[in-house]
Amino acid sequence: MKAAVIHQFGGPEEIKYEELKMPQPGPGEVLVKTLAIGTNRLDHYVRLGEISPDITFPHVLGSDAVGQVINWGKDVTGFNVGDRVISMPGYPLDPSEVHVRPVTVASSYAIPGVHTQGTYAEYIVVPAQWLLIDNTDLPVEQIAALPVPLLIAIRSVEIVGEVKAGDTVLVQAGASSTGMMSIQVAKALGARVVTTVQNSSSVEIAQEFGADFIINTSEQDFVSAIHEWTEGKGVDVAIDNLGGDILQKTINVVRPEGIIVSMGFMAGTQATIDVRNFFFTQKQLRGTLVGDIEDFSRWLPAIKKGLIRPLVDSTMLLSQAANAHERIANNQARGAIILIP
């Protein structure tokens, strides 16, 4: 089979399209022919060597994929040849931890393309319990763009953020992949959403995905703008994928006893907060990662209805994975780039 692999860390030019041995499903595993493969910024950081410096080469990148069931090993039930399936972008490798929730706390939790061989290939093998049958009938390119950002958004907004109808919610970086998804999840739950962006083209994206109030931070201070929008009350929940020196400002716009969900560090990994003000106002700072397969399954009807949809920048052939990474590295992608085997 063909796959896009790296033999060493470096720039996009390190991605080579070459022949690899066809994987074979073992007990409890399913062989999937990929139909569409989602790219994420995480893939870019893995390629650079910033995430998993000890991976074995040659290494196949990629965490997201939609495909078609071809075959399976012993003890697999519930699938038919030809079923369209979504591969989960992370799961425990130890079968004894299959019921651990959230899956991200399992000691053997691994992300394809980060800790194990990934999805940038014509065929992949996935444990059966981590495949979700896709009954949306939507284009594969759309579904392939969903797993990582949508599962982060569901867990951040609905589960950890506890957003409910009538809440006011801040979503930082609303034109980012997780930002777009978080806006849509919050709106589907009945919340009012304020979001931040950095330029006029991002304003259009945030509008397209339903934000009620959009703050262009290149023109306006988001703390004062949210103070005015909420009439001084603050938002009930803030979803922060920025971290760094922005985190304290995010905390500042949340009402007393409100919730701040931290799930990213685009502005930096180090933050300083005013501890006294934080506990005097009894706010809650919670960290999270991606959601579980049950979360994705629960939201499939909303996806089918069009309440949740991705922004697809473009589709490219799998053989053009290096070109896709060039666009990602240069921040040229407006939405997800999907690779077609």
Protein backbone atom coordinates (compact mmCIF):
# COMPACT_ATOMS: atom_id res chain seq x y z
CA MET A 1 0.00 0.00 0.00
CA LYS A 2 1.00 3.64 -0.36
CA ALA A 3 1.49 5.92 2.63
CA ALA A 4 2.88 9.35 3.48
CA VAL A 5 5.77 8.83 5.90
CA ILE A 6 8.69 10.62 7.47
CA HIS A 7 12.15 9.10 7.97
CA GLN A 8 13.40 11.97 10.12
CA PHE A 9 12.05 15.11 11.73
CA GLY A 10 12.03 18.35 9.79
CA GLY A 11 10.04 20.47 7.37
CA PRO A 12 7.23 19.43 5.03
CA GLU A 13 9.80 18.21 2.52
CA GLU A 14 10.53 15.28 4.87
CA ILE A 15 7.14 13.70 4.02
CA LYS A 16 7.65 11.00 1.42
CA TYR A 17 4.98 9.08 -0.48
CA GLU A 18 6.10 5.49 -0.68
CA GLU A 19 5.20 1.83 -0.54
CA LEU A 20 4.69 0.15 2.84
CA LYS A 21 3.66 -3.36 3.79
CA MET A 22 -0.12 -3.84 3.93
CA PRO A 23 -1.26 -4.15 7.57
CA GLN A 24 -3.19 -7.25 8.59
CA PRO A 25 -5.90 -7.25 11.27
CA GLY A 26 -5.23 -9.33 14.37
CA PRO A 27 -7.79 -10.54 16.91
CA GLY A 28 -10.27 -7.78 17.71
CA GLU A 29 -9.02 -5.57 14.87
CA VAL A 30 -10.54 -4.26 11.64
CA LEU A 31 -8.83 -3.53 8.33
CA VAL A 32 -10.08 -0.22 6.93
CA LYS A 33 -9.51 1.24 3.47
CA THR A 34 -9.22 4.98 4.02
CA LEU A 35 -11.52 7.20 1.95
CA ALA A 36 -10.56 10.59 3.42
CA ILE A 37 -7.89 11.60 5.92
CA GLY A 38 -8.05 14.69 8.09
CA THR A 39 -4.97 16.78 8.79
CA ASN A 40 -4.42 18.67 12.04
CA ARG A 41 -1.83 21.11 13.31
CA LEU A 42 -0.80 18.35 15.70
CA ASP A 43 0.57 16.45 12.67
CA HIS A 44 2.77 19.46 11.90
CA TYR A 45 4.24 19.45 15.42
CA VAL A 46 4.83 15.68 15.29
CA ARG A 47 6.68 16.10 11.98
CA LEU A 48 8.90 18.73 13.58
CA GLY A 49 9.77 16.38 16.45
CA GLU A 50 8.16 18.58 19.11
CA ILE A 51 5.65 16.00 20.39
CA SER A 52 7.11 12.48 20.31
CA PRO A 53 10.90 12.66 19.89
CA ASP A 54 11.30 8.88 20.35
CA ILE A 55 9.05 7.59 17.56
CA THR A 56 10.35 4.84 15.29
CA PHE A 57 11.03 5.64 11.63
CA PRO A 58 9.63 5.33 9.05
CA HIS A 59 6.61 6.93 10.72
CA VAL A 60 3.13 7.42 9.31
CA LEU A 61 1.52 10.68 10.43
CA GLY A 62 -2.18 11.41 11.00
CA SER A 63 -4.93 10.86 13.59
CA ASP A 64 -8.21 11.32 11.70
CA ALA A 65 -9.70 9.11 9.00
CA VAL A 66 -12.96 7.93 7.49
CA GLY A 67 -12.89 4.65 5.63
CA GLN A 68 -14.56 1.47 4.53
CA VAL A 69 -14.45 -1.88 6.32
CA ILE A 70 -12.52 -4.45 4.25
CA ASN A 71 -11.84 -7.32 6.64
CA TRP A 72 -11.41 -8.15 10.32
CA GLY A 73 -9.69 -10.54 12.70
CA LYS A 74 -11.04 -13.02 15.23
CA ASP A 75 -13.66 -11.99 17.80
CA VAL A 76 -14.95 -9.00 15.81
CA THR A 77 -18.71 -8.57 15.43
CA GLY A 78 -21.06 -5.78 14.41
CA PHE A 79 -19.48 -4.85 11.08
CA ASN A 80 -20.19 -5.66 7.45
CA VAL A 81 -17.79 -5.41 4.54
CA GLY A 82 -18.27 -1.96 3.02
CA ASP A 83 -19.48 -0.24 6.21
CA ARG A 84 -18.30 3.37 6.36
CA VAL A 85 -16.53 4.00 9.64
CA ILE A 86 -14.85 6.80 11.57
CA SER A 87 -11.60 5.98 13.34
CA MET A 88 -11.24 7.52 16.79
CA PRO A 89 -8.18 9.78 17.10
CA GLY A 90 -6.95 8.20 20.31
CA TYR A 91 -7.62 5.14 22.47
CA PRO A 92 -6.01 2.80 25.03
CA LEU A 93 -3.75 0.15 23.54
CA ASP A 94 -4.25 -2.18 26.51
CA PRO A 95 -7.53 -4.13 26.04
CA SER A 96 -8.00 -4.21 29.82
CA GLU A 97 -8.45 -0.41 29.75
CA VAL A 98 -11.14 -0.36 27.07
CA HIS A 99 -13.78 0.80 29.57
CA VAL A 100 -11.71 3.60 31.17
CA ARG A 101 -13.44 6.98 30.81
CA PRO A 102 -12.38 9.46 29.79
CA VAL A 103 -10.09 7.39 27.58
CA THR A 104 -7.36 9.99 27.89
CA VAL A 105 -6.66 9.01 31.51
CA ALA A 106 -5.92 5.38 30.57
CA SER A 107 -2.25 4.59 31.13
CA SER A 108 -1.99 3.03 27.66
CA TYR A 109 -3.79 5.86 25.86
CA ALA A 110 -2.17 6.57 22.50
CA ILE A 111 -2.85 8.88 19.57
CA PRO A 112 -2.41 7.42 16.06
CA GLY A 113 0.25 9.34 14.20
CA VAL A 114 1.76 10.51 17.50
CA HIS A 115 2.48 7.42 19.57
CA THR A 116 1.68 4.75 16.96
CA GLN A 117 1.53 4.56 13.17
CA GLY A 118 -1.08 6.96 11.83
CA THR A 119 -3.76 7.41 9.21
CA TYR A 120 -1.85 8.92 6.24
CA ALA A 121 -2.12 5.58 4.44
CA GLU A 122 -4.34 3.72 2.00
CA TYR A 123 -5.15 1.11 4.67
CA ILE A 124 -5.16 1.19 8.47
CA VAL A 125 -5.85 -1.38 11.18
CA VAL A 126 -7.98 -0.21 14.12
CA PRO A 127 -9.28 -2.06 17.19
CA ALA A 128 -12.97 -2.71 16.53
CA GLN A 129 -14.20 -0.90 19.65
CA TRP A 130 -12.64 2.35 18.41
CA LEU A 131 -14.51 2.46 15.11
CA LEU A 132 -17.82 4.30 14.83
CA ILE A 133 -20.18 3.44 11.99
CA ASP A 134 -20.87 6.61 10.01
CA ASN A 135 -24.56 6.85 9.15
CA THR A 136 -24.60 10.57 8.29
CA ASP A 137 -24.53 10.10 4.47
CA LEU A 138 -22.46 13.28 4.32
CA PRO A 139 -19.38 13.64 2.08
CA VAL A 140 -16.38 11.81 3.51
CA GLU A 141 -14.33 15.00 3.27
CA GLN A 142 -16.61 16.67 5.81
CA ILE A 143 -16.58 13.79 8.28
CA ALA A 144 -12.80 13.37 8.08
CA ALA A 145 -12.38 16.96 9.26
CA LEU A 146 -14.34 16.36 12.47
CA PRO A 147 -12.81 13.85 14.94
CA VAL A 148 -10.03 15.74 16.74
CA PRO A 149 -11.57 19.26 16.87
CA LEU A 150 -15.13 18.05 17.50
CA LEU A 151 -14.18 15.65 20.30
CA ILE A 152 -12.17 18.42 21.97
CA ALA A 153 -15.13 20.81 21.64
CA ILE A 154 -17.73 18.35 22.96
CA ARG A 155 -15.69 17.52 26.03
CA SER A 156 -14.64 21.14 26.66
CA VAL A 157 -18.05 22.76 26.18
CA GLU A 158 -20.67 20.17 27.10
CA ILE A 159 -18.95 17.90 29.60
CA VAL A 160 -16.20 19.83 31.40
CA GLY A 161 -17.68 23.29 30.82
CA GLU A 162 -21.20 22.09 31.70
CA VAL A 163 -22.71 24.56 29.23
CA LYS A 164 -26.50 24.60 29.17
CA ALA A 165 -29.30 26.57 27.52
CA GLY A 166 -29.22 30.25 28.47
CA ASP A 167 -25.54 30.35 29.42
CA THR A 168 -23.18 32.97 28.03
CA VAL A 169 -19.96 31.42 26.74
CA LEU A 170 -16.63 32.85 25.60
CA VAL A 171 -14.84 30.81 22.94
CA GLN A 172 -11.32 32.05 22.38
CA ALA A 173 -9.90 31.94 18.82
CA GLY A 174 -13.24 31.32 17.15
CA ALA A 175 -11.76 30.83 13.68
CA SER A 176 -9.46 28.00 14.81
CA SER A 177 -10.57 24.40 14.27
CA THR A 178 -11.45 23.85 17.93
CA GLY A 179 -12.93 27.35 18.13
CA MET A 180 -15.33 26.78 15.22
CA MET A 181 -16.46 23.49 16.73
CA SER A 182 -16.83 24.95 20.22
CA ILE A 183 -19.04 27.76 18.91
CA GLN A 184 -21.32 25.25 17.20
CA VAL A 185 -21.53 22.89 20.18
CA ALA A 186 -22.35 25.77 22.53
CA LYS A 187 -25.01 27.13 20.15
CA ALA A 188 -26.55 23.67 19.74
CA LEU A 189 -26.82 23.50 23.54
CA GLY A 190 -28.72 26.80 23.56
CA ALA A 191 -25.98 29.15 24.76
CA ARG A 192 -25.14 32.69 23.66
CA VAL A 193 -21.56 32.81 22.36
CA VAL A 194 -18.97 35.55 22.25
CA THR A 195 -15.73 34.78 20.47
CA THR A 196 -12.39 36.39 19.71
CA VAL A 197 -10.59 36.56 16.34
CA GLN A 198 -7.57 38.43 15.05
CA ASN A 199 -8.58 39.73 11.63
CA SER A 200 -11.54 40.58 9.38
CA SER A 201 -11.49 37.29 7.45
CA SER A 202 -11.76 35.41 10.74
CA VAL A 203 -14.73 37.59 11.66
CA GLU A 204 -16.53 36.16 8.63
CA ILE A 205 -15.75 32.60 9.75
CA ALA A 206 -17.06 33.22 13.26
CA GLN A 207 -20.22 34.75 11.82
CA GLU A 208 -20.69 31.78 9.51
CA PHE A 209 -20.61 29.39 12.46
CA GLY A 210 -23.10 31.30 14.55
CA ALA A 211 -21.27 33.43 17.13
CA ASP A 212 -23.55 36.06 18.66
CA PHE A 213 -20.83 38.61 19.35
CA ILE A 214 -17.40 38.72 17.68
CA ILE A 215 -14.42 40.67 18.97
CA ASN A 216 -11.54 41.45 16.62
CA THR A 217 -8.71 41.66 19.15
CA SER A 218 -6.52 43.59 16.69
CA GLU A 219 -8.99 46.45 17.09
CA GLN A 220 -10.59 45.97 20.51
CA ASP A 221 -9.71 44.75 24.01
CA PHE A 222 -11.77 41.62 24.60
CA VAL A 223 -11.95 42.09 28.38
CA SER A 224 -13.65 45.48 28.17
CA ALA A 225 -15.82 44.39 25.23
CA ILE A 226 -17.15 41.35 27.13
CA HIS A 227 -17.66 43.44 30.25
CA GLU A 228 -19.91 45.72 28.22
CA TRP A 229 -21.67 42.85 26.38
CA THR A 230 -22.55 41.09 29.65
CA GLU A 231 -23.43 44.36 31.41
CA GLY A 232 -20.62 43.78 33.87
CA LYS A 233 -21.73 40.29 34.89
CA GLY A 234 -19.11 38.24 33.02
CA VAL A 235 -19.64 35.06 31.06
CA ASP A 236 -20.74 31.81 32.68
CA VAL A 237 -18.13 29.67 30.91
CA ALA A 238 -14.93 30.41 28.98
CA ILE A 239 -13.27 27.95 26.60
CA ASP A 240 -9.58 28.86 26.39
CA ASN A 241 -7.30 27.30 23.78
CA LEU A 242 -4.72 30.11 24.08
CA GLY A 243 -3.13 29.89 27.52
CA GLY A 244 0.01 31.97 27.99
CA ASP A 245 -0.51 35.57 29.06
CA ILE A 246 -4.09 35.46 27.73
CA LEU A 247 -5.28 32.98 30.38
CA GLN A 248 -5.46 35.59 33.16
CA LYS A 249 -7.56 37.84 30.92
CA THR A 250 -9.85 34.91 30.15
CA ILE A 251 -10.29 34.31 33.89
CA ASN A 252 -11.08 38.01 34.35
CA VAL A 253 -14.12 37.90 32.04
CA VAL A 254 -15.78 34.97 33.83
CA ARG A 255 -18.39 35.65 36.48
CA PRO A 256 -17.87 34.63 40.13
CA GLU A 257 -18.22 30.83 40.47
CA GLY A 258 -17.94 30.52 36.69
CA ILE A 259 -15.92 27.91 34.81
CA ILE A 260 -12.76 28.33 32.71
CA VAL A 261 -11.86 25.32 30.54
CA SER A 262 -8.22 25.19 29.45
CA MET A 263 -7.49 22.97 26.43
CA GLY A 264 -4.76 24.67 24.40
CA PHE A 265 -1.65 26.80 24.52
CA MET A 266 -1.47 28.75 21.25
CA ALA A 267 -0.29 31.81 23.22
CA GLY A 268 2.20 29.86 25.33
CA THR A 269 2.57 27.02 27.83
CA GLN A 270 3.34 29.24 30.83
CA ALA A 271 0.77 31.43 32.60
CA THR A 272 0.68 33.59 35.72
CA ILE A 273 -2.63 34.18 37.50
CA ASP A 274 -3.81 36.35 40.36
CA VAL A 275 -4.40 33.58 42.90
CA ARG A 276 -6.08 35.74 45.53
CA ASN A 277 -8.65 37.16 43.10
CA PHE A 278 -9.17 33.68 41.65
CA PHE A 279 -10.19 32.00 44.88
CA PHE A 280 -11.95 35.06 46.30
CA THR A 281 -14.31 34.93 43.30
CA GLN A 282 -14.56 31.11 43.61
CA LYS A 283 -13.97 30.51 39.93
CA GLN A 284 -13.09 27.06 38.62
CA LEU A 285 -10.19 26.36 36.25
CA ARG A 286 -10.50 22.96 34.58
CA GLY A 287 -8.22 21.24 32.08
CA THR A 288 -9.32 18.73 29.45
CA LEU A 289 -8.40 16.81 26.33
CA VAL A 290 -10.54 14.98 23.75
CA GLY A 291 -13.86 13.26 24.36
CA ASP A 292 -14.86 9.62 24.05
CA ILE A 293 -16.37 7.56 21.24
CA GLU A 294 -19.75 7.73 22.99
CA ASP A 295 -19.60 11.53 22.80
CA PHE A 296 -19.05 11.42 19.04
CA SER A 297 -21.88 8.91 18.64
CA ARG A 298 -24.26 11.08 20.66
CA TRP A 299 -23.59 14.05 18.37
CA LEU A 300 -23.94 12.18 15.06
CA PRO A 301 -27.62 13.23 14.69
CA ALA A 302 -26.63 16.90 15.08
CA ILE A 303 -23.92 16.40 12.46
CA LYS A 304 -26.43 14.79 10.10
CA LYS A 305 -28.83 17.73 10.59
CA GLY A 306 -26.07 20.23 9.77
CA LEU A 307 -25.94 21.72 13.27
CA ILE A 308 -22.26 20.75 13.42
CA ARG A 309 -20.10 21.10 10.33
CA PRO A 310 -16.45 21.68 9.60
CA LEU A 311 -14.76 24.25 7.42
CA VAL A 312 -12.80 22.42 4.71
CA ASP A 313 -10.00 24.44 3.18
CA SER A 314 -9.23 22.02 0.36
CA THR A 315 -8.78 18.42 -0.65
CA MET A 316 -5.48 17.04 -1.90
CA LEU A 317 -4.23 13.64 -2.90
CA LEU A 318 -2.45 11.66 -0.20
CA SER A 319 0.62 11.87 -2.44
CA GLN A 320 0.50 15.65 -1.88
CA ALA A 321 0.72 15.43 1.93
CA ALA A 322 3.93 17.46 1.89
CA ASN A 323 2.12 20.29 0.07
CA ALA A 324 -0.67 20.15 2.64
CA HIS A 325 1.87 20.49 5.46
CA GLU A 326 3.44 23.44 3.65
CA ARG A 327 0.08 25.22 3.82
CA ILE A 328 -0.37 24.29 7.47
CA ALA A 329 3.16 25.40 8.40
CA ASN A 330 2.65 28.77 6.70
CA ASN A 331 -0.80 29.31 8.26
CA GLN A 332 -2.37 29.41 4.80
CA ALA A 333 -5.15 26.89 5.45
CA ARG A 334 -8.63 28.32 6.03
CA GLY A 335 -10.09 25.24 7.62
CA ALA A 336 -9.05 21.60 7.38
CA ILE A 337 -7.05 20.12 4.52
CA ILE A 338 -8.32 16.66 3.61
CA LEU A 339 -6.14 14.03 1.98
CA ILE A 340 -7.68 11.58 -0.49
CA PRO A 341 -5.84 8.26 -1.03
